[in-house]
């Protein structure tokens, strides 16, 4: 890099920095924090006192987290995955119930060799969307999540 002359910058020359060594900055910070906290009500005790001799309340059942299509697509594309290898893909296909409309068959045998990675990925995407419409997305996600990395076909293979 060439050696440039040190030219004066008129904007820098107009600024004057002054450091104050006092507690006024801290006082201003505490005032600001107090105004911020004033917007919220103070914490109050619960309506029912908790007695040590009473059993703990029974917590209501919490519904399991719903699975989103995007979550399963991210799982299926993790580490540049395309789809499960043919044997695993066929096994997963056979584990899903035969409900109409039937999901797209996995690509195996001759179809596997003649199909590009992108097209294979689209077939898996169609299967994921089918599972969502059939109410089986969580089941399919679990099956895909159980596959070890070596059971997946990856881009460039």
N, C-alpha and C. Protein backbone atom coordinates (compact mmCIF):
# COMPACT_ATOMS: atom_id res chain seq x y z
N UNK A 1 0.85 -1.16 0.00
CA UNK A 1 0.00 0.00 0.00
C UNK A 1 0.90 1.23 0.00
N UNK A 2 0.59 2.21 -0.86
CA UNK A 2 1.46 3.39 -0.93
C UNK A 2 1.39 4.19 0.36
N UNK A 3 2.45 4.91 0.61
CA UNK A 3 2.54 5.75 1.80
C UNK A 3 1.84 7.07 1.51
N UNK A 4 0.65 7.29 2.07
CA UNK A 4 -0.13 8.49 1.82
C UNK A 4 0.21 9.56 2.85
N UNK A 5 0.18 10.81 2.42
CA UNK A 5 0.46 11.86 3.39
C UNK A 5 -0.66 11.93 4.42
N UNK A 6 -0.33 12.36 5.60
CA UNK A 6 -1.28 12.48 6.69
C UNK A 6 -2.01 13.82 6.54
N UNK A 7 -3.13 13.81 5.83
CA UNK A 7 -3.88 15.03 5.56
C UNK A 7 -4.82 15.32 6.71
N UNK A 8 -5.00 16.57 7.06
CA UNK A 8 -5.93 16.90 8.15
C UNK A 8 -7.37 16.66 7.71
N UNK A 9 -8.18 16.15 8.60
CA UNK A 9 -9.59 15.92 8.34
C UNK A 9 -10.37 17.00 9.09
N UNK A 10 -11.10 17.86 8.36
CA UNK A 10 -11.79 18.96 9.03
C UNK A 10 -12.86 18.48 10.02
N UNK A 11 -13.47 17.33 9.79
CA UNK A 11 -14.49 16.84 10.71
C UNK A 11 -13.88 16.44 12.05
N UNK A 12 -12.73 15.81 12.01
CA UNK A 12 -12.08 15.38 13.24
C UNK A 12 -11.60 16.59 14.03
N UNK A 13 -11.13 17.57 13.30
CA UNK A 13 -10.61 18.75 13.99
C UNK A 13 -11.71 19.53 14.70
N UNK A 14 -12.96 19.40 14.26
CA UNK A 14 -14.05 20.13 14.89
C UNK A 14 -14.54 19.46 16.18
N UNK A 15 -14.24 18.20 16.36
CA UNK A 15 -14.71 17.47 17.53
C UNK A 15 -13.75 17.67 18.69
N UNK A 16 -14.32 17.86 19.86
CA UNK A 16 -13.51 17.95 21.06
C UNK A 16 -14.04 16.92 22.04
N UNK A 17 -13.20 16.01 22.45
CA UNK A 17 -13.58 14.96 23.37
C UNK A 17 -13.16 15.38 24.76
N UNK A 18 -14.10 15.28 25.67
CA UNK A 18 -13.82 15.67 27.05
C UNK A 18 -14.28 14.54 27.97
N UNK A 19 -13.36 13.99 28.72
CA UNK A 19 -13.69 12.91 29.62
C UNK A 19 -13.85 13.46 31.03
N UNK A 20 -14.99 13.16 31.62
CA UNK A 20 -15.26 13.62 32.97
C UNK A 20 -15.07 12.45 33.91
N UNK A 21 -14.32 12.67 34.94
CA UNK A 21 -14.08 11.61 35.91
C UNK A 21 -14.88 11.90 37.16
N UNK A 22 -16.22 11.69 37.03
CA UNK A 22 -17.07 11.89 38.19
C UNK A 22 -18.20 10.87 38.16
N UNK A 23 -19.08 10.92 39.12
CA UNK A 23 -20.17 9.95 39.21
C UNK A 23 -21.43 10.40 38.48
N UNK A 24 -21.38 11.51 37.76
CA UNK A 24 -22.60 11.99 37.11
C UNK A 24 -23.09 11.03 36.03
N UNK A 25 -22.18 10.38 35.32
CA UNK A 25 -22.58 9.41 34.31
C UNK A 25 -23.31 8.23 34.93
N UNK A 26 -22.80 7.76 36.07
CA UNK A 26 -23.46 6.64 36.77
C UNK A 26 -24.82 7.06 37.30
N UNK A 27 -24.91 8.29 37.81
CA UNK A 27 -26.20 8.80 38.31
C UNK A 27 -27.22 8.86 37.18
N UNK A 28 -26.80 9.33 36.01
CA UNK A 28 -27.72 9.40 34.87
C UNK A 28 -28.16 8.00 34.46
N UNK A 29 -27.24 7.03 34.50
CA UNK A 29 -27.58 5.65 34.16
C UNK A 29 -28.63 5.09 35.14
N UNK A 30 -28.46 5.34 36.43
CA UNK A 30 -29.41 4.83 37.42
C UNK A 30 -30.79 5.48 37.25
N UNK A 31 -30.81 6.76 36.90
CA UNK A 31 -32.10 7.44 36.65
C UNK A 31 -32.81 6.80 35.46
N UNK A 32 -32.06 6.57 34.41
CA UNK A 32 -32.63 5.95 33.22
C UNK A 32 -33.16 4.55 33.52
N UNK A 33 -32.41 3.76 34.27
CA UNK A 33 -32.85 2.40 34.62
C UNK A 33 -34.10 2.45 35.49
N UNK A 34 -34.16 3.42 36.42
CA UNK A 34 -35.34 3.54 37.29
C UNK A 34 -36.57 3.92 36.48
N UNK A 35 -36.42 4.82 35.51
CA UNK A 35 -37.56 5.19 34.66
C UNK A 35 -38.02 4.00 33.82
N UNK A 36 -37.07 3.21 33.36
CA UNK A 36 -37.42 2.03 32.56
C UNK A 36 -38.19 1.02 33.41
N UNK A 37 -37.71 0.77 34.63
CA UNK A 37 -38.36 -0.20 35.51
C UNK A 37 -39.71 0.28 36.01
N UNK A 38 -39.93 1.59 36.06
CA UNK A 38 -41.18 2.14 36.59
C UNK A 38 -42.37 1.76 35.72
N UNK A 39 -42.13 1.37 34.48
CA UNK A 39 -43.23 1.00 33.58
C UNK A 39 -43.83 -0.36 33.93
N UNK A 40 -43.15 -1.12 34.75
CA UNK A 40 -43.60 -2.46 35.07
C UNK A 40 -44.08 -2.53 36.52
N UNK A 41 -45.13 -3.31 36.72
CA UNK A 41 -45.67 -3.48 38.08
C UNK A 41 -44.71 -4.31 38.92
N UNK A 42 -44.75 -4.07 40.21
CA UNK A 42 -43.92 -4.84 41.12
C UNK A 42 -44.43 -6.28 41.19
N UNK A 43 -43.55 -7.20 41.46
CA UNK A 43 -43.92 -8.59 41.63
C UNK A 43 -44.72 -8.73 42.92
N UNK A 44 -45.81 -9.47 42.84
CA UNK A 44 -46.67 -9.65 44.01
C UNK A 44 -46.78 -11.15 44.31
N UNK A 45 -47.07 -11.51 45.55
CA UNK A 45 -47.22 -12.93 45.87
C UNK A 45 -48.43 -13.52 45.16
N UNK A 46 -48.43 -14.81 44.97
CA UNK A 46 -49.55 -15.50 44.34
C UNK A 46 -50.79 -15.45 45.20
N UNK A 47 -51.93 -15.74 44.62
CA UNK A 47 -53.19 -15.67 45.33
C UNK A 47 -53.31 -16.76 46.39
N UNK A 48 -52.73 -17.94 46.13
CA UNK A 48 -52.82 -19.04 47.08
C UNK A 48 -51.47 -19.24 47.74
N UNK A 49 -51.41 -19.15 49.06
CA UNK A 49 -50.13 -19.38 49.72
C UNK A 49 -49.74 -20.85 49.62
N UNK A 50 -48.47 -21.11 49.52
CA UNK A 50 -47.97 -22.47 49.44
C UNK A 50 -47.60 -22.91 50.84
N UNK A 51 -48.24 -24.00 51.28
CA UNK A 51 -47.96 -24.52 52.61
C UNK A 51 -47.07 -25.75 52.46
N UNK A 52 -46.13 -25.94 53.36
CA UNK A 52 -45.23 -27.08 53.24
C UNK A 52 -45.94 -28.43 53.36
N UNK A 53 -47.12 -28.50 54.02
CA UNK A 53 -47.79 -29.78 54.20
C UNK A 53 -48.74 -30.13 53.05
N UNK A 54 -48.88 -29.25 52.07
CA UNK A 54 -49.78 -29.53 50.95
C UNK A 54 -48.98 -30.15 49.81
N UNK A 55 -49.59 -31.09 49.09
CA UNK A 55 -48.88 -31.70 47.97
C UNK A 55 -48.70 -30.68 46.84
N UNK A 56 -47.72 -30.93 46.04
CA UNK A 56 -47.46 -30.05 44.91
C UNK A 56 -48.63 -30.13 43.93
N UNK A 57 -48.99 -29.01 43.31
CA UNK A 57 -50.11 -29.04 42.37
C UNK A 57 -49.78 -29.90 41.16
N UNK A 58 -50.80 -30.52 40.63
CA UNK A 58 -50.63 -31.33 39.43
C UNK A 58 -50.55 -30.39 38.23
N UNK A 59 -49.49 -30.53 37.48
CA UNK A 59 -49.31 -29.67 36.30
C UNK A 59 -50.15 -30.23 35.15
N UNK A 60 -50.80 -29.35 34.40
CA UNK A 60 -51.56 -29.85 33.26
C UNK A 60 -50.63 -30.42 32.19
N UNK A 61 -51.15 -31.37 31.45
CA UNK A 61 -50.36 -31.95 30.37
C UNK A 61 -50.09 -30.90 29.31
N UNK A 62 -48.88 -30.88 28.84
CA UNK A 62 -48.48 -29.93 27.80
C UNK A 62 -48.44 -30.67 26.48
N UNK A 63 -49.05 -30.10 25.49
CA UNK A 63 -49.04 -30.74 24.18
C UNK A 63 -47.63 -30.76 23.61
N UNK A 64 -47.33 -31.80 22.91
CA UNK A 64 -46.02 -31.90 22.27
C UNK A 64 -45.91 -30.81 21.20
N UNK A 65 -44.71 -30.37 21.02
CA UNK A 65 -44.45 -29.33 20.03
C UNK A 65 -44.84 -29.84 18.64
N UNK A 66 -45.58 -29.02 17.92
CA UNK A 66 -45.94 -29.42 16.58
C UNK A 66 -44.73 -29.31 15.67
N UNK A 67 -44.66 -30.19 14.74
CA UNK A 67 -43.53 -30.23 13.81
C UNK A 67 -43.90 -29.44 12.58
N UNK A 68 -42.98 -28.61 12.12
CA UNK A 68 -43.20 -27.81 10.91
C UNK A 68 -42.47 -28.44 9.74
N UNK A 69 -43.03 -28.26 8.56
CA UNK A 69 -42.41 -28.79 7.34
C UNK A 69 -40.99 -28.26 7.20
N UNK A 70 -40.79 -26.98 7.48
CA UNK A 70 -39.46 -26.38 7.36
C UNK A 70 -38.44 -27.07 8.25
N UNK A 71 -38.88 -27.47 9.45
CA UNK A 71 -37.97 -28.16 10.37
C UNK A 71 -37.50 -29.50 9.79
N UNK A 72 -38.43 -30.23 9.17
CA UNK A 72 -38.07 -31.52 8.59
C UNK A 72 -37.23 -31.32 7.34
N UNK A 73 -37.52 -30.29 6.56
CA UNK A 73 -36.70 -30.00 5.38
C UNK A 73 -35.27 -29.64 5.79
N UNK A 74 -35.12 -28.89 6.86
CA UNK A 74 -33.77 -28.57 7.35
C UNK A 74 -33.03 -29.82 7.79
N UNK A 75 -33.74 -30.73 8.45
CA UNK A 75 -33.14 -31.99 8.86
C UNK A 75 -32.70 -32.78 7.62
N UNK A 76 -33.55 -32.81 6.60
CA UNK A 76 -33.26 -33.59 5.40
C UNK A 76 -32.12 -32.98 4.58
N UNK A 77 -31.86 -31.68 4.74
CA UNK A 77 -30.80 -31.03 3.97
C UNK A 77 -29.53 -30.77 4.78
N UNK A 78 -29.56 -31.16 6.04
CA UNK A 78 -28.39 -30.97 6.90
C UNK A 78 -27.18 -31.65 6.28
N UNK A 79 -26.03 -31.02 6.39
CA UNK A 79 -24.77 -31.57 5.86
C UNK A 79 -24.83 -31.85 4.36
N UNK A 80 -25.64 -31.05 3.64
CA UNK A 80 -25.77 -31.18 2.18
C UNK A 80 -26.37 -32.53 1.78
N UNK A 81 -27.31 -33.02 2.60
CA UNK A 81 -27.98 -34.28 2.30
C UNK A 81 -28.93 -34.10 1.11
N UNK A 82 -29.15 -35.20 0.41
CA UNK A 82 -30.10 -35.23 -0.70
C UNK A 82 -31.33 -36.02 -0.28
N UNK A 83 -31.11 -37.27 0.11
CA UNK A 83 -32.18 -38.19 0.50
C UNK A 83 -31.53 -39.41 1.14
N UNK A 84 -32.32 -40.25 1.78
CA UNK A 84 -31.73 -41.50 2.30
C UNK A 84 -31.26 -42.38 1.14
N UNK A 85 -30.30 -43.23 1.42
CA UNK A 85 -29.85 -44.21 0.42
C UNK A 85 -31.01 -45.16 0.11
N UNK A 86 -31.00 -45.80 -1.06
CA UNK A 86 -32.17 -46.57 -1.52
C UNK A 86 -32.75 -47.56 -0.52
N UNK A 87 -31.91 -48.39 0.12
CA UNK A 87 -32.45 -49.39 1.05
C UNK A 87 -33.15 -48.74 2.24
N UNK A 88 -32.52 -47.70 2.80
CA UNK A 88 -33.13 -47.00 3.94
C UNK A 88 -34.40 -46.27 3.52
N UNK A 89 -34.35 -45.66 2.34
CA UNK A 89 -35.50 -44.92 1.84
C UNK A 89 -36.69 -45.85 1.64
N UNK A 90 -36.44 -47.02 1.08
CA UNK A 90 -37.49 -48.01 0.87
C UNK A 90 -38.06 -48.50 2.21
N UNK A 91 -37.18 -48.70 3.19
CA UNK A 91 -37.62 -49.14 4.52
C UNK A 91 -38.53 -48.10 5.15
N UNK A 92 -38.15 -46.82 5.07
CA UNK A 92 -38.97 -45.75 5.63
C UNK A 92 -40.32 -45.69 4.91
N UNK A 93 -40.29 -45.82 3.61
CA UNK A 93 -41.51 -45.79 2.80
C UNK A 93 -42.48 -46.89 3.25
N UNK A 94 -41.96 -48.06 3.50
CA UNK A 94 -42.80 -49.19 3.91
C UNK A 94 -43.33 -49.03 5.34
N UNK A 95 -42.67 -48.22 6.16
CA UNK A 95 -43.12 -48.00 7.53
C UNK A 95 -44.24 -46.98 7.61
N UNK A 96 -44.45 -46.20 6.55
CA UNK A 96 -45.51 -45.21 6.56
C UNK A 96 -46.81 -45.86 6.13
N UNK A 97 -47.93 -45.49 6.73
CA UNK A 97 -49.21 -46.14 6.38
C UNK A 97 -49.64 -45.83 4.95
N UNK A 98 -50.39 -46.74 4.41
CA UNK A 98 -50.87 -46.60 3.03
C UNK A 98 -52.22 -45.88 3.06
N UNK A 99 -52.15 -44.56 3.18
CA UNK A 99 -53.38 -43.76 3.22
C UNK A 99 -53.49 -42.95 1.94
N UNK A 100 -54.70 -42.82 1.40
CA UNK A 100 -54.83 -42.03 0.18
C UNK A 100 -54.72 -40.54 0.49
N UNK A 101 -54.20 -39.75 -0.38
CA UNK A 101 -53.46 -40.18 -1.57
C UNK A 101 -52.10 -40.75 -1.15
N UNK A 102 -51.69 -41.77 -1.83
CA UNK A 102 -50.43 -42.46 -1.49
C UNK A 102 -49.25 -41.55 -1.78
N UNK A 103 -48.26 -41.58 -0.90
CA UNK A 103 -47.09 -40.75 -1.11
C UNK A 103 -46.25 -41.26 -2.27
N UNK A 104 -45.43 -40.38 -2.79
CA UNK A 104 -44.56 -40.69 -3.92
C UNK A 104 -43.58 -41.78 -3.50
N UNK A 105 -43.39 -42.75 -4.37
CA UNK A 105 -42.47 -43.85 -4.08
C UNK A 105 -41.03 -43.34 -4.08
N UNK A 106 -40.17 -43.91 -3.25
CA UNK A 106 -38.76 -43.52 -3.27
C UNK A 106 -38.09 -44.01 -4.56
N UNK A 107 -37.02 -43.36 -4.90
CA UNK A 107 -36.28 -43.74 -6.11
C UNK A 107 -35.29 -44.84 -5.74
N UNK A 108 -35.49 -46.01 -6.32
CA UNK A 108 -34.60 -47.15 -6.06
C UNK A 108 -34.29 -47.83 -7.39
N UNK A 109 -33.35 -48.75 -7.35
CA UNK A 109 -32.95 -49.54 -8.51
C UNK A 109 -32.58 -48.66 -9.71
N UNK A 110 -33.19 -48.91 -10.85
CA UNK A 110 -32.84 -48.18 -12.08
C UNK A 110 -33.19 -46.70 -11.97
N UNK A 111 -34.30 -46.39 -11.29
CA UNK A 111 -34.68 -44.98 -11.11
C UNK A 111 -33.60 -44.21 -10.36
N UNK A 112 -32.96 -44.85 -9.39
CA UNK A 112 -31.91 -44.20 -8.61
C UNK A 112 -30.75 -43.76 -9.52
N UNK A 113 -30.31 -44.67 -10.36
CA UNK A 113 -29.16 -44.39 -11.22
C UNK A 113 -29.47 -43.33 -12.28
N UNK A 114 -30.72 -43.23 -12.70
CA UNK A 114 -31.08 -42.32 -13.79
C UNK A 114 -31.56 -40.95 -13.30
N UNK A 115 -31.59 -40.73 -12.02
CA UNK A 115 -32.17 -39.50 -11.47
C UNK A 115 -31.08 -38.64 -10.84
N UNK A 116 -31.14 -37.35 -11.11
CA UNK A 116 -30.16 -36.42 -10.54
C UNK A 116 -30.40 -36.23 -9.04
N UNK A 117 -29.39 -35.72 -8.37
CA UNK A 117 -29.50 -35.48 -6.93
C UNK A 117 -30.61 -34.48 -6.63
N UNK A 118 -30.73 -33.45 -7.45
CA UNK A 118 -31.76 -32.44 -7.21
C UNK A 118 -33.16 -33.04 -7.34
N UNK A 119 -33.35 -33.91 -8.34
CA UNK A 119 -34.65 -34.57 -8.50
C UNK A 119 -34.94 -35.52 -7.33
N UNK A 120 -33.91 -36.20 -6.83
CA UNK A 120 -34.09 -37.07 -5.66
C UNK A 120 -34.51 -36.24 -4.46
N UNK A 121 -33.88 -35.08 -4.30
CA UNK A 121 -34.23 -34.20 -3.18
C UNK A 121 -35.68 -33.74 -3.31
N UNK A 122 -36.14 -33.48 -4.52
CA UNK A 122 -37.52 -33.05 -4.73
C UNK A 122 -38.51 -34.16 -4.39
N UNK A 123 -38.16 -35.41 -4.68
CA UNK A 123 -39.03 -36.53 -4.31
C UNK A 123 -39.14 -36.61 -2.79
N UNK A 124 -38.02 -36.45 -2.09
CA UNK A 124 -38.07 -36.46 -0.62
C UNK A 124 -38.91 -35.30 -0.12
N UNK A 125 -38.79 -34.14 -0.75
CA UNK A 125 -39.60 -32.99 -0.35
C UNK A 125 -41.09 -33.30 -0.53
N UNK A 126 -41.44 -33.93 -1.65
CA UNK A 126 -42.84 -34.31 -1.88
C UNK A 126 -43.33 -35.27 -0.78
N UNK A 127 -42.46 -36.18 -0.37
CA UNK A 127 -42.84 -37.11 0.69
C UNK A 127 -43.04 -36.38 2.02
N UNK A 128 -42.20 -35.40 2.29
CA UNK A 128 -42.33 -34.62 3.53
C UNK A 128 -43.64 -33.84 3.51
N UNK A 129 -43.96 -33.23 2.39
CA UNK A 129 -45.22 -32.47 2.28
C UNK A 129 -46.42 -33.41 2.38
N UNK A 130 -46.31 -34.62 1.81
CA UNK A 130 -47.39 -35.60 1.93
C UNK A 130 -47.59 -35.96 3.40
N UNK A 131 -46.48 -36.19 4.11
CA UNK A 131 -46.57 -36.57 5.52
C UNK A 131 -47.26 -35.46 6.32
N UNK A 132 -46.97 -34.21 5.98
CA UNK A 132 -47.62 -33.09 6.68
C UNK A 132 -49.11 -33.10 6.44
N UNK A 133 -49.53 -33.34 5.19
CA UNK A 133 -50.96 -33.34 4.87
C UNK A 133 -51.67 -34.56 5.46
N UNK A 134 -50.94 -35.66 5.67
CA UNK A 134 -51.54 -36.87 6.22
C UNK A 134 -51.46 -36.92 7.75
N UNK A 135 -50.87 -35.89 8.37
CA UNK A 135 -50.73 -35.88 9.82
C UNK A 135 -49.64 -36.79 10.33
N UNK A 136 -48.68 -37.11 9.48
CA UNK A 136 -47.60 -38.04 9.85
C UNK A 136 -46.22 -37.39 9.82
N UNK A 137 -46.20 -36.07 9.84
CA UNK A 137 -44.92 -35.37 9.71
C UNK A 137 -43.98 -35.68 10.89
N UNK A 138 -44.51 -35.72 12.09
CA UNK A 138 -43.68 -36.05 13.25
C UNK A 138 -43.09 -37.45 13.15
N UNK A 139 -43.88 -38.39 12.67
CA UNK A 139 -43.41 -39.77 12.50
C UNK A 139 -42.29 -39.82 11.47
N UNK A 140 -42.50 -39.16 10.32
CA UNK A 140 -41.47 -39.16 9.28
C UNK A 140 -40.21 -38.46 9.78
N UNK A 141 -40.38 -37.36 10.51
CA UNK A 141 -39.21 -36.67 11.06
C UNK A 141 -38.41 -37.59 11.96
N UNK A 142 -39.10 -38.34 12.81
CA UNK A 142 -38.41 -39.25 13.72
C UNK A 142 -37.65 -40.33 12.95
N UNK A 143 -38.27 -40.86 11.89
CA UNK A 143 -37.60 -41.88 11.08
C UNK A 143 -36.35 -41.32 10.41
N UNK A 144 -36.46 -40.10 9.88
CA UNK A 144 -35.30 -39.49 9.22
C UNK A 144 -34.21 -39.14 10.23
N UNK A 145 -34.61 -38.68 11.41
CA UNK A 145 -33.64 -38.28 12.43
C UNK A 145 -32.84 -39.47 12.96
N UNK A 146 -33.43 -40.66 12.90
CA UNK A 146 -32.74 -41.87 13.39
C UNK A 146 -31.66 -42.35 12.44
N UNK A 147 -31.69 -41.91 11.19
CA UNK A 147 -30.72 -42.40 10.21
C UNK A 147 -29.33 -41.87 10.52
N UNK A 148 -28.33 -42.74 10.55
CA UNK A 148 -26.96 -42.24 10.70
C UNK A 148 -26.53 -41.52 9.42
N UNK A 149 -25.55 -40.69 9.54
CA UNK A 149 -25.11 -39.86 8.40
C UNK A 149 -24.70 -40.71 7.20
N UNK A 150 -24.13 -41.89 7.44
CA UNK A 150 -23.69 -42.73 6.32
C UNK A 150 -24.85 -43.38 5.58
N UNK A 151 -26.07 -43.24 6.08
CA UNK A 151 -27.26 -43.77 5.40
C UNK A 151 -27.91 -42.74 4.50
N UNK A 152 -27.26 -41.58 4.36
CA UNK A 152 -27.79 -40.51 3.50
C UNK A 152 -26.95 -40.37 2.24
N UNK A 153 -27.62 -40.03 1.15
CA UNK A 153 -26.92 -39.66 -0.09
C UNK A 153 -26.71 -38.15 0.00
N UNK A 154 -25.50 -37.68 -0.35
CA UNK A 154 -25.15 -36.27 -0.26
C UNK A 154 -24.89 -35.70 -1.65
N UNK A 155 -25.04 -34.41 -1.78
CA UNK A 155 -24.74 -33.74 -3.05
C UNK A 155 -23.30 -34.05 -3.43
N UNK A 156 -23.08 -34.31 -4.70
CA UNK A 156 -21.73 -34.57 -5.21
C UNK A 156 -21.31 -36.02 -5.11
N UNK A 157 -22.14 -36.89 -4.57
CA UNK A 157 -21.79 -38.31 -4.50
C UNK A 157 -22.23 -39.03 -5.74
